[in-house]
Amino acid sequence: MRRLVECVPNFSEGRDQAKIDAIEAAIREVSGAYVLDRTSDADHNRSVITLAGEPEAVGEAAVRAVGKAAELIDLVHHTGAHPRIGATDVVPFVPIEGASLADCVVLAKRAAREIWERYGIPVYLYEAAAQKPERQNLENIRKGQFEGLREEVLGNPDRVPDVGEARLHPTAGATVVGARKFLIAYNINLDTSDVSIAKAIAKKIRFSSGGLPCVKAMGVDLRGRNLAQVSMNLTDFETTPVHQVFEIVKREAESRGSGILGSEIIGLIPRRAIEMTADHFLKIENFSPGMVLENRLEDALLQSKEESRESLAAKAKPFLDAVAAPTVAPGGGSVAALAAALAASLGQMVSGLSRAKKSLAAHADVLTSSLAEFQAAARWLAEAIDLDAASFQAVIAAHRLPKRTPEEIGRRDLAAEQAMKRAVEVPLEIARQAFRVFDQLRQLESMCGPSMISDVRVGRMMAATAVRGALENVATNLESISDTQFAERTRNESRSLSSRIAEDRTPSGRSII
């Protein structure tokens, strides 16, 4: 069964499109995560990117986007009409198909840990992922915005993040991550610049002030357009439909001597919401079928399917040609990394298929964790293909340094030693990662269906070959290392990895290699 989730990260940048381009590019780097929509607003100084796909891919893409935003956005110098506490202000995960809200809670908590561990950005959990009842509501977490929270978190235990230390990132602030049902971000622009009217209407209609169920609202001053706006989040459009909100805002505006200039959707809207409401009745500006979530996702999946029709042989040929070329790199180390990455990919396939089977439901949590581990390993091992080639190119470059004087000879020898150590460390790490994949596949064999055991064992054979191949590169490169302590430590670890591979057996007692 296909499993799809949506993620709608909000970034505190709506004016510099180059920065938003870079954040979007970081998302698109993750295979299986599809960017469906992007909306920016200069007055809010905020952008919203909608992405969807398999949960693990969407989670990784969201985490990378948070990291890229932290590089590019400095909240110390940020101004805008929309409240915010982070460069990436909020990251909600939403179930679409074959995934539950509980699945999205697990995904949100995993993403929160990654955001803190990779980038040092503390995280608050909200909505269904909230650890405290008062944090279910995003407004409670945002109270005081970046400037106020930055000071309060240092001494108020009630404001301590759920993940990370009691301090904000100096420029990226904090990020709020959670899981929720589908939310429609819906704004109504009034034909007045008097923001007090928008604020009065927002107070009248929002649920927290006794208004409409599942409606959050605030009045916003759109100075760039000389307009006042009622900015809303509709958290359950079936309980309070969009057209009902529109009619009430219209009535409240007219009672205050104003009217509606138009309305706008930020991001995407579910097909069901459109079916409940005639788009012309809402006066939605520039409405098109492409704004419907399901339509956009179907287009993205269709495009991906078309792109995948290219033969696998054609996709593999550039790397095969690079290995076959009469150059020293890529060589054996890169090939070992590829073999291990293929093993990890088989682990992903088997984990993903197995956890969808009702007969293996007892292992679902372990299989989900296993899938994430195989994905992380495959990503690193794929990058290691280039790392190994680059490390050996560095050795060549060091040997080409001038050696006309004793000083130059000394510098050349030092550079060569350091480069050669790196040329040992990279394949050694490939061997370590390959062994972890080898061991994880062994554990997976007892949790998968009989039809997939051969895939697991092929993966283990690939991983075992990767370990031995990488260690062969280690041994060869060690011969040029003069640091005897480094060489001895490395040889000891190599012997240990090699022996653990040789001693391993399948559950039937047969050697895997």
Protein backbone atom coordinates (compact mmCIF):
# COMPACT_ATOMS: atom_id res chain seq x y z
CA MET A 1 0.00 0.00 0.00
CA ARG A 2 1.28 3.44 -0.92
CA ARG A 3 2.13 5.67 2.06
CA LEU A 4 2.08 9.42 1.51
CA VAL A 5 2.45 12.36 3.86
CA GLU A 6 2.53 16.08 3.30
CA CYS A 7 4.80 18.61 4.98
CA VAL A 8 4.26 22.39 4.88
CA PRO A 9 7.34 24.13 6.35
CA ASN A 10 7.06 27.90 6.86
CA PHE A 11 10.24 29.95 6.40
CA SER A 12 10.83 33.47 7.69
CA GLU A 13 11.81 34.89 4.32
CA GLY A 14 9.42 36.20 1.69
CA ARG A 15 11.44 38.87 -0.07
CA ASP A 16 14.73 37.34 -1.20
CA GLN A 17 13.69 34.73 -3.76
CA ALA A 18 17.27 33.49 -4.18
CA LYS A 19 17.22 32.27 -0.58
CA ILE A 20 13.91 30.51 -1.08
CA ASP A 21 15.27 28.97 -4.29
CA ALA A 22 18.18 27.53 -2.29
CA ILE A 23 15.87 26.10 0.37
CA GLU A 24 13.66 24.54 -2.28
CA ALA A 25 16.75 23.07 -3.97
CA ALA A 26 17.74 21.40 -0.68
CA ILE A 27 14.32 19.73 -0.59
CA ARG A 28 14.52 18.58 -4.20
CA GLU A 29 17.85 16.86 -3.52
CA VAL A 30 16.00 14.13 -1.62
CA SER A 31 14.68 11.38 -3.87
CA GLY A 32 11.03 10.61 -3.22
CA ALA A 33 10.13 14.06 -1.86
CA TYR A 34 8.11 16.15 -4.31
CA VAL A 35 7.75 19.93 -4.10
CA LEU A 36 4.12 20.64 -4.93
CA ASP A 37 3.81 24.34 -4.24
CA ARG A 38 5.63 27.45 -3.04
CA THR A 39 4.11 30.73 -1.89
CA SER A 40 5.92 33.86 -0.69
CA ASP A 41 4.57 37.07 0.82
CA ALA A 42 6.73 40.18 1.17
CA ASP A 43 4.52 41.83 3.81
CA HIS A 44 4.49 38.71 5.97
CA ASN A 45 8.16 38.18 5.00
CA ARG A 46 7.36 34.50 4.94
CA SER A 47 7.35 31.62 2.47
CA VAL A 48 5.49 28.33 2.56
CA ILE A 49 6.69 25.28 0.63
CA THR A 50 4.42 22.26 0.25
CA LEU A 51 6.09 18.89 -0.27
CA ALA A 52 4.79 15.35 -0.21
CA GLY A 53 5.90 11.77 -0.71
CA GLU A 54 6.95 8.72 1.29
CA PRO A 55 7.27 9.61 5.00
CA GLU A 56 11.00 8.95 5.31
CA ALA A 57 11.87 11.00 2.23
CA VAL A 58 9.63 13.88 3.29
CA GLY A 59 11.12 13.86 6.79
CA GLU A 60 14.69 14.01 5.48
CA ALA A 61 13.81 16.74 2.98
CA ALA A 62 12.21 18.84 5.71
CA VAL A 63 15.25 18.49 7.97
CA ARG A 64 17.61 19.53 5.18
CA ALA A 65 15.41 22.53 4.43
CA VAL A 66 15.66 23.61 8.07
CA GLY A 67 19.45 23.41 7.83
CA LYS A 68 19.58 25.44 4.63
CA ALA A 69 17.25 28.07 6.10
CA ALA A 70 19.53 28.35 9.13
CA GLU A 71 22.43 29.12 6.80
CA LEU A 72 20.57 31.85 4.94
CA ILE A 73 18.11 33.54 7.32
CA ASP A 74 19.16 35.75 10.25
CA LEU A 75 16.23 36.46 12.56
CA VAL A 76 18.18 39.17 14.36
CA HIS A 77 17.64 41.36 11.29
CA HIS A 78 14.24 39.96 10.26
CA THR A 79 11.03 41.99 10.18
CA GLY A 80 7.59 41.07 8.91
CA ALA A 81 3.89 41.11 9.71
CA HIS A 82 3.70 37.40 10.60
CA PRO A 83 4.70 36.13 14.08
CA ARG A 84 7.78 33.87 14.11
CA ILE A 85 10.33 32.28 16.42
CA GLY A 86 12.56 30.58 13.86
CA ALA A 87 14.22 30.89 10.47
CA THR A 88 12.13 27.80 9.82
CA ASP A 89 9.18 28.74 11.98
CA VAL A 90 6.97 25.68 11.82
CA VAL A 91 7.20 22.21 10.23
CA PRO A 92 3.89 20.29 10.27
CA PHE A 93 3.54 16.73 8.95
CA VAL A 94 0.12 15.73 7.60
CA PRO A 95 -1.15 12.22 6.69
CA ILE A 96 -2.48 11.92 3.14
CA GLU A 97 -2.72 8.27 2.13
CA GLY A 98 -1.79 5.00 3.84
CA ALA A 99 -0.35 6.87 6.84
CA SER A 100 -2.00 7.83 10.11
CA LEU A 101 -1.70 10.85 12.34
CA ALA A 102 0.24 8.60 14.74
CA ASP A 103 2.73 7.85 11.94
CA CYS A 104 3.21 11.58 11.46
CA VAL A 105 3.82 12.04 15.20
CA VAL A 106 6.67 9.50 14.99
CA LEU A 107 8.00 11.29 11.91
CA ALA A 108 7.80 14.69 13.63
CA LYS A 109 9.70 13.50 16.70
CA ARG A 110 12.41 11.92 14.56
CA ALA A 111 12.75 15.12 12.52
CA ALA A 112 12.95 17.18 15.72
CA ARG A 113 15.89 15.10 16.99
CA GLU A 114 17.68 15.41 13.65
CA ILE A 115 17.20 19.19 13.56
CA TRP A 116 18.79 19.56 16.98
CA GLU A 117 21.60 17.06 16.43
CA ARG A 118 22.59 18.34 12.97
CA TYR A 119 22.09 22.07 13.34
CA GLY A 120 21.87 22.91 17.05
CA ILE A 121 18.38 24.38 16.61
CA PRO A 122 16.06 23.61 19.55
CA VAL A 123 12.60 22.29 18.75
CA TYR A 124 9.14 22.66 20.27
CA LEU A 125 6.58 19.95 19.47
CA TYR A 126 2.98 20.98 18.79
CA GLU A 127 -0.49 19.75 17.80
CA ALA A 128 -0.69 15.92 17.91
CA ALA A 129 3.06 15.65 18.69
CA ALA A 130 2.87 18.02 21.69
CA GLN A 131 4.52 16.81 24.90
CA LYS A 132 2.54 19.30 27.02
CA PRO A 133 -1.18 20.13 26.64
CA GLU A 134 -0.53 23.87 26.40
CA ARG A 135 1.81 23.30 23.47
CA GLN A 136 -0.86 21.80 21.26
CA ASN A 137 -1.67 25.39 20.31
CA LEU A 138 1.02 27.00 18.16
CA GLU A 139 0.19 30.49 19.41
CA ASN A 140 1.19 29.54 22.95
CA ILE A 141 4.65 28.48 21.76
CA ARG A 142 5.10 31.63 19.62
CA LYS A 143 4.22 33.99 22.47
CA GLY A 144 6.81 36.78 22.59
CA GLN A 145 8.16 35.80 19.18
CA PHE A 146 11.91 35.29 18.61
CA GLU A 147 12.99 38.34 20.57
CA GLY A 148 10.92 37.54 23.67
CA LEU A 149 11.49 33.79 23.66
CA ARG A 150 15.24 34.28 23.23
CA GLU A 151 15.38 35.93 26.68
CA GLU A 152 12.62 34.03 28.46
CA VAL A 153 13.90 30.55 27.61
CA LEU A 154 17.05 31.20 29.62
CA GLY A 155 15.22 31.41 32.96
CA ASN A 156 11.65 30.18 32.59
CA PRO A 157 11.31 26.35 32.80
CA ASP A 158 7.88 26.57 31.13
CA ARG A 159 9.54 27.82 27.92
CA VAL A 160 12.26 25.14 27.70
CA PRO A 161 12.25 23.38 24.29
CA ASP A 162 11.08 19.78 23.98
CA VAL A 163 14.24 18.82 22.09
CA GLY A 164 17.59 20.51 22.67
CA GLU A 165 19.06 22.85 25.22
CA ALA A 166 17.37 25.81 26.91
CA ARG A 167 18.70 28.38 24.47
CA LEU A 168 17.83 29.52 20.99
CA HIS A 169 20.12 29.32 17.99
CA PRO A 170 21.67 32.81 17.78
CA THR A 171 20.36 33.53 14.27
CA ALA A 172 17.95 30.69 13.42
CA GLY A 173 15.99 30.76 16.69
CA ALA A 174 13.84 27.70 17.35
CA THR A 175 11.62 25.54 15.16
CA VAL A 176 8.17 24.16 15.93
CA VAL A 177 7.56 20.66 14.58
CA GLY A 178 4.37 18.68 14.78
CA ALA A 179 1.70 16.48 13.25
CA ARG A 180 -1.81 17.58 12.40
CA LYS A 181 -4.73 17.07 10.09
CA PHE A 182 -4.87 19.00 6.85
CA LEU A 183 -4.95 22.75 7.40
CA ILE A 184 -6.10 25.36 4.91
CA ALA A 185 -4.20 28.64 5.12
CA TYR A 186 -6.82 31.11 3.93
CA ASN A 187 -6.57 34.90 3.87
CA ILE A 188 -9.27 37.47 3.13
CA ASN A 189 -8.15 40.92 1.98
CA LEU A 190 -10.41 43.78 2.99
CA ASP A 191 -10.94 46.89 0.88
CA THR A 192 -9.51 49.05 3.63
CA SER A 193 -6.10 49.84 5.09
CA ASP A 194 -7.55 50.06 8.61
CA VAL A 195 -5.95 47.06 10.33
CA SER A 196 -8.12 47.58 13.43
CA ILE A 197 -11.10 46.34 11.39
CA ALA A 198 -9.19 43.17 10.40
CA LYS A 199 -8.15 42.61 14.02
CA ALA A 200 -11.73 43.05 15.27
CA ILE A 201 -13.05 40.57 12.70
CA ALA A 202 -10.29 38.09 13.55
CA LYS A 203 -11.17 38.27 17.24
CA LYS A 204 -14.85 37.75 16.39
CA ILE A 205 -14.34 34.61 14.31
CA ARG A 206 -11.44 32.75 15.96
CA PHE A 207 -12.33 29.84 18.19
CA SER A 208 -10.07 30.93 21.07
CA SER A 209 -12.21 34.08 21.44
CA GLY A 210 -15.52 32.21 21.27
CA GLY A 211 -15.88 32.20 17.49
CA LEU A 212 -15.97 29.48 14.87
CA PRO A 213 -14.72 25.96 15.68
CA CYS A 214 -11.36 25.02 14.14
CA VAL A 215 -10.61 28.59 13.04
CA LYS A 216 -7.47 30.52 13.99
CA ALA A 217 -7.34 34.14 12.86
CA MET A 218 -5.41 37.39 13.21
CA GLY A 219 -5.54 40.83 11.63
CA VAL A 220 -2.53 41.77 9.53
CA ASP A 221 -1.38 45.10 8.10
CA LEU A 222 -0.31 44.59 4.46
CA ARG A 223 1.60 47.84 4.12
CA GLY A 224 3.07 46.96 0.76
CA ARG A 225 -0.46 46.72 -0.68
CA ASN A 226 -2.09 49.33 1.59
CA LEU A 227 -4.59 46.70 2.74
CA ALA A 228 -5.79 45.06 5.93
CA GLN A 229 -6.05 41.29 5.93
CA VAL A 230 -7.80 38.66 8.01
CA SER A 231 -5.23 35.84 8.00
CA MET A 232 -6.61 32.43 8.99
CA ASN A 233 -5.79 28.78 9.49
CA LEU A 234 -8.76 26.45 9.08
CA THR A 235 -7.76 23.33 10.99
CA ASP A 236 -10.81 21.22 10.06
CA PHE A 237 -12.52 22.44 6.91
CA GLU A 238 -15.27 19.82 7.20
CA THR A 239 -16.31 21.18 10.60
CA THR A 240 -16.10 24.80 9.47
CA PRO A 241 -16.12 25.01 5.66
CA VAL A 242 -14.28 27.72 3.77
CA HIS A 243 -17.45 29.28 2.36
CA GLN A 244 -18.92 29.66 5.86
CA VAL A 245 -15.84 31.56 6.98
CA PHE A 246 -16.01 33.76 3.89
CA GLU A 247 -19.67 34.66 4.49
CA ILE A 248 -19.14 35.54 8.14
CA VAL A 249 -16.06 37.69 7.43
CA LYS A 250 -18.03 39.44 4.67
CA ARG A 251 -20.90 40.15 7.06
CA GLU A 252 -18.57 41.39 9.81
CA ALA A 253 -16.67 43.62 7.37
CA GLU A 254 -19.86 45.17 6.03
CA SER A 255 -21.08 45.87 9.55
CA ARG A 256 -17.90 47.92 10.04
CA GLY A 257 -18.24 49.86 6.81
CA SER A 258 -15.83 47.74 4.80
CA GLY A 259 -15.98 44.97 2.22
CA ILE A 260 -13.99 42.09 0.73
CA LEU A 261 -11.51 42.82 -2.02
CA GLY A 262 -10.61 39.16 -2.53
CA SER A 263 -9.34 36.02 -0.83
CA GLU A 264 -6.30 33.82 -1.29
CA ILE A 265 -5.16 30.33 -0.49
CA ILE A 266 -1.60 29.88 0.78
CA GLY A 267 -0.26 26.54 -0.38
CA LEU A 268 -2.71 23.86 -1.51
CA ILE A 269 -6.29 22.93 -0.74
CA PRO A 270 -7.85 19.42 -0.64
CA ARG A 271 -10.20 18.45 -3.43
CA ARG A 272 -12.96 17.80 -0.89
CA ALA A 273 -12.81 21.42 0.30
CA ILE A 274 -13.31 22.65 -3.26
CA GLU A 275 -16.15 20.19 -3.78
CA MET A 276 -17.87 21.76 -0.75
CA THR A 277 -17.43 25.29 -2.01
CA ALA A 278 -17.84 26.98 -5.39
CA ASP A 279 -14.58 28.77 -6.14
CA HIS A 280 -16.31 31.73 -7.84
CA PHE A 281 -18.39 32.23 -4.68
CA LEU A 282 -15.19 32.73 -2.68
CA LYS A 283 -13.67 35.19 -5.16
CA ILE A 284 -10.34 33.32 -4.90
CA GLU A 285 -7.80 35.25 -6.90
CA ASN A 286 -6.10 33.35 -9.74
CA PHE A 287 -7.70 30.03 -8.80
CA SER A 288 -6.72 27.03 -10.91
CA PRO A 289 -7.04 23.23 -10.59
CA GLY A 290 -3.30 23.16 -9.93
CA MET A 291 -3.98 24.60 -6.48
CA VAL A 292 -5.73 21.38 -5.45
CA LEU A 293 -3.43 19.17 -3.37
CA GLU A 294 -4.44 15.86 -4.93
CA ASN A 295 -4.14 17.24 -8.47
CA ARG A 296 -0.64 18.57 -7.84
CA LEU A 297 0.51 15.37 -6.13
CA GLU A 298 -0.84 13.21 -8.96
CA ASP A 299 1.04 15.38 -11.46
CA ALA A 300 4.27 15.03 -9.46
CA LEU A 301 3.96 11.26 -9.16
CA LEU A 302 3.15 10.95 -12.87
CA GLN A 303 6.19 13.02 -13.79
CA SER A 304 8.37 10.89 -11.52
CA LYS A 305 7.00 7.74 -13.13
CA GLU A 306 7.77 9.09 -16.61
CA GLU A 307 11.31 10.01 -15.57
CA SER A 308 11.88 6.55 -14.07
CA ARG A 309 11.11 4.86 -17.41
CA GLU A 310 14.66 5.49 -18.52
CA SER A 311 16.36 2.11 -18.43
CA LEU A 312 18.33 1.21 -15.35
CA ALA A 313 21.25 0.26 -17.56
CA ALA A 314 21.33 3.78 -19.01
CA LYS A 315 21.34 5.26 -15.52
CA ALA A 316 24.22 3.03 -14.41
CA LYS A 317 26.34 3.56 -17.52
CA PRO A 318 27.98 6.91 -16.52
CA PHE A 319 29.45 5.38 -13.36
CA LEU A 320 30.52 2.22 -15.15
CA ASP A 321 32.23 4.35 -17.79
CA ALA A 322 33.97 6.41 -15.10
CA VAL A 323 35.35 3.26 -13.45
CA ALA A 324 36.39 1.79 -16.79
CA ALA A 325 38.25 4.96 -17.86
CA PRO A 326 42.09 4.78 -17.72
CA THR A 327 42.30 7.01 -14.62
CA VAL A 328 43.24 6.18 -11.03
CA ALA A 329 39.88 7.30 -9.63
CA PRO A 330 37.17 6.25 -9.15
CA GLY A 331 38.61 2.89 -8.24
CA GLY A 332 38.16 0.02 -5.84
CA GLY A 333 37.13 2.14 -2.86
CA SER A 334 34.33 3.81 -4.82
CA VAL A 335 33.16 0.45 -6.14
CA ALA A 336 33.10 -0.92 -2.57
CA ALA A 337 31.01 2.09 -1.48
CA LEU A 338 28.57 1.46 -4.32
CA ALA A 339 28.27 -2.22 -3.38
CA ALA A 340 27.45 -1.26 0.22
CA ALA A 341 24.95 1.39 -0.94
CA LEU A 342 23.21 -1.24 -3.07
CA ALA A 343 23.04 -3.53 -0.04
CA ALA A 344 21.48 -0.74 2.03
CA SER A 345 19.02 -0.06 -0.79
CA LEU A 346 17.92 -3.69 -0.74
CA GLY A 347 17.44 -3.30 3.01
CA GLN A 348 15.19 -0.29 2.38
CA MET A 349 13.13 -2.23 -0.14
CA VAL A 350 12.62 -5.23 2.13
CA SER A 351 11.88 -3.10 5.22
CA GLY A 352 9.36 -0.99 3.31
CA LEU A 353 7.56 -3.97 1.79
CA SER A 354 7.58 -5.98 5.01
CA ARG A 355 6.09 -3.33 7.27
CA ALA A 356 3.12 -2.96 4.89
CA LYS A 357 2.19 -6.65 5.37
CA LYS A 358 -0.49 -7.41 7.96
CA SER A 359 1.19 -10.72 8.77
CA LEU A 360 4.30 -8.79 9.91
CA ALA A 361 2.44 -6.09 11.87
CA ALA A 362 4.17 -7.16 15.10
CA HIS A 363 7.47 -5.96 13.62
CA ALA A 364 6.13 -2.68 12.18
CA ASP A 365 7.94 -0.37 14.62
CA VAL A 366 11.26 -2.18 14.25
CA LEU A 367 10.89 -2.24 10.47
CA THR A 368 10.17 1.50 10.38
CA SER A 369 13.30 2.18 12.40
CA SER A 370 15.26 -0.24 10.21
CA LEU A 371 14.06 1.55 7.09
CA ALA A 372 15.33 4.90 8.39
CA GLU A 373 18.72 3.38 9.25
CA PHE A 374 19.11 1.81 5.81
CA GLN A 375 18.16 5.13 4.18
CA ALA A 376 20.78 7.03 6.18
CA ALA A 377 23.43 4.43 5.37
CA ALA A 378 22.59 4.46 1.67
CA ARG A 379 22.87 8.24 1.54
CA TRP A 380 26.28 8.30 3.21
CA LEU A 381 27.61 5.40 1.15
CA ALA A 382 26.47 7.06 -2.07
CA GLU A 383 28.38 10.20 -1.05
CA ALA A 384 31.38 8.03 -0.16
CA ILE A 385 31.72 7.03 -3.82
CA ASP A 386 32.93 10.56 -4.49
CA LEU A 387 34.72 10.88 -1.12
CA ASP A 388 36.98 7.95 -1.91
CA ALA A 389 37.80 9.25 -5.38
CA ALA A 390 38.51 12.71 -3.97
CA SER A 391 40.76 11.34 -1.22
CA PHE A 392 42.99 9.60 -3.74
CA GLN A 393 43.07 12.65 -6.00
CA ALA A 394 44.36 14.56 -2.96
CA VAL A 395 47.21 12.06 -2.63
CA ILE A 396 48.18 12.64 -6.26
CA ALA A 397 48.01 16.40 -5.77
CA ALA A 398 50.28 16.17 -2.71
CA HIS A 399 52.90 14.20 -4.62
CA ARG A 400 52.91 16.85 -7.31
CA LEU A 401 53.96 19.59 -4.88
CA PRO A 402 57.40 21.11 -5.56
CA LYS A 403 60.44 19.43 -3.95
CA ARG A 404 63.35 21.67 -4.93
CA THR A 405 64.44 22.64 -1.40
CA PRO A 406 64.51 20.83 1.96
CA GLU A 407 61.61 23.03 3.11
CA GLU A 408 59.53 22.15 0.09
CA ILE A 409 60.38 18.47 0.51
CA GLY A 410 59.23 18.66 4.15
CA ARG A 411 55.95 20.31 3.21
CA ARG A 412 55.40 17.81 0.41
CA ASP A 413 56.05 14.82 2.66
CA LEU A 414 53.71 16.16 5.35
CA ALA A 415 50.96 16.84 2.81
CA ALA A 416 51.40 13.39 1.30
CA GLU A 417 51.22 11.72 4.73
CA GLN A 418 48.05 13.61 5.66
CA ALA A 419 46.44 12.90 2.28
CA MET A 420 47.33 9.22 2.50
CA LYS A 421 45.84 9.00 6.01
CA ARG A 422 42.62 10.42 4.57
CA ALA A 423 42.84 7.84 1.79
CA VAL A 424 42.92 5.20 4.55
CA GLU A 425 40.20 6.73 6.73
CA VAL A 426 37.61 6.97 3.95
CA PRO A 427 37.63 3.29 2.90
CA LEU A 428 37.87 2.28 6.57
CA GLU A 429 34.66 4.20 7.27
CA ILE A 430 33.11 2.59 4.18
CA ALA A 431 34.01 -0.80 5.69
CA ARG A 432 32.45 0.18 9.02
CA GLN A 433 29.24 1.37 7.39
CA ALA A 434 29.11 -1.69 5.16
CA PHE A 435 29.45 -3.95 8.19
CA ARG A 436 26.57 -2.17 9.93
CA VAL A 437 24.43 -2.75 6.84
CA PHE A 438 25.57 -6.38 6.80
CA ASP A 439 24.56 -6.81 10.44
CA GLN A 440 21.22 -4.97 10.04
CA LEU A 441 20.34 -7.22 7.10
CA ARG A 442 21.03 -10.26 9.24
CA GLN A 443 18.47 -9.00 11.78
CA LEU A 444 16.02 -8.18 8.99
CA GLU A 445 16.02 -11.77 7.71
CA SER A 446 13.94 -12.95 10.68
CA MET A 447 11.30 -10.23 10.12
CA CYS A 448 10.63 -10.41 6.38
CA GLY A 449 8.42 -12.65 4.27
CA PRO A 450 9.85 -15.84 2.69
CA SER A 451 9.77 -14.31 -0.80
CA MET A 452 12.20 -11.58 0.29
CA ILE A 453 14.84 -13.70 2.02
CA SER A 454 16.85 -13.98 -1.19
CA ASP A 455 16.91 -10.16 -1.47
CA VAL A 456 18.21 -9.90 2.08
CA ARG A 457 20.92 -12.47 1.43
CA VAL A 458 22.01 -10.82 -1.81
CA GLY A 459 22.25 -7.61 0.16
CA ARG A 460 24.38 -9.30 2.79
CA MET A 461 26.69 -10.71 0.15
CA MET A 462 27.06 -7.25 -1.37
CA ALA A 463 27.77 -5.73 2.04
CA ALA A 464 30.30 -8.43 2.89
CA THR A 465 32.06 -7.86 -0.43
CA ALA A 466 32.05 -4.12 0.27
CA VAL A 467 33.71 -4.67 3.65
CA ARG A 468 36.43 -6.84 2.16
CA GLY A 469 36.92 -4.55 -0.84
CA ALA A 470 37.20 -1.42 1.29
CA LEU A 471 39.65 -3.13 3.65
CA GLU A 472 41.77 -4.16 0.67
CA ASN A 473 42.11 -0.46 -0.16
CA VAL A 474 42.94 0.28 3.47
CA ALA A 475 45.70 -2.32 3.52
CA THR A 476 47.24 -1.06 0.27
CA ASN A 477 47.26 2.57 1.35
CA LEU A 478 48.63 1.76 4.81
CA GLU A 479 51.88 0.65 3.19
CA SER A 480 52.67 4.31 2.47
CA ILE A 481 51.95 5.53 6.03
CA SER A 482 54.92 6.27 8.25
CA ASP A 483 52.87 6.82 11.43
CA THR A 484 53.26 3.36 12.98
CA GLN A 485 50.69 3.88 15.75
CA PHE A 486 48.05 4.97 13.24
CA ALA A 487 48.90 2.02 11.02
CA GLU A 488 48.71 -0.52 13.86
CA ARG A 489 45.34 0.79 15.15
CA THR A 490 43.95 0.63 11.65
CA ARG A 491 45.23 -2.90 11.01
CA ASN A 492 43.70 -4.12 14.29
CA GLU A 493 40.30 -2.70 13.40
CA SER A 494 40.55 -4.11 9.88
CA ARG A 495 41.32 -7.59 11.19
CA SER A 496 38.35 -7.38 13.56
CA LEU A 497 35.91 -6.38 10.81
CA SER A 498 37.22 -9.03 8.45
CA SER A 499 36.94 -11.81 11.03
CA ARG A 500 33.39 -10.81 12.02
CA ILE A 501 32.32 -11.06 8.39
CA ALA A 502 33.99 -14.49 7.99
CA GLU A 503 32.38 -15.90 11.16
CA ASP A 504 28.82 -14.86 10.29
CA ARG A 505 26.25 -17.49 9.35
CA THR A 506 22.68 -17.55 8.08
CA PRO A 507 19.99 -18.88 10.47
CA SER A 508 20.44 -22.30 8.79
CA GLY A 509 24.14 -22.25 9.67
CA ARG A 510 25.40 -21.66 6.13
CA SER A 511 28.17 -19.12 5.60
CA ILE A 512 26.86 -16.01 3.88
CA ILE A 513 29.96 -15.75 1.69
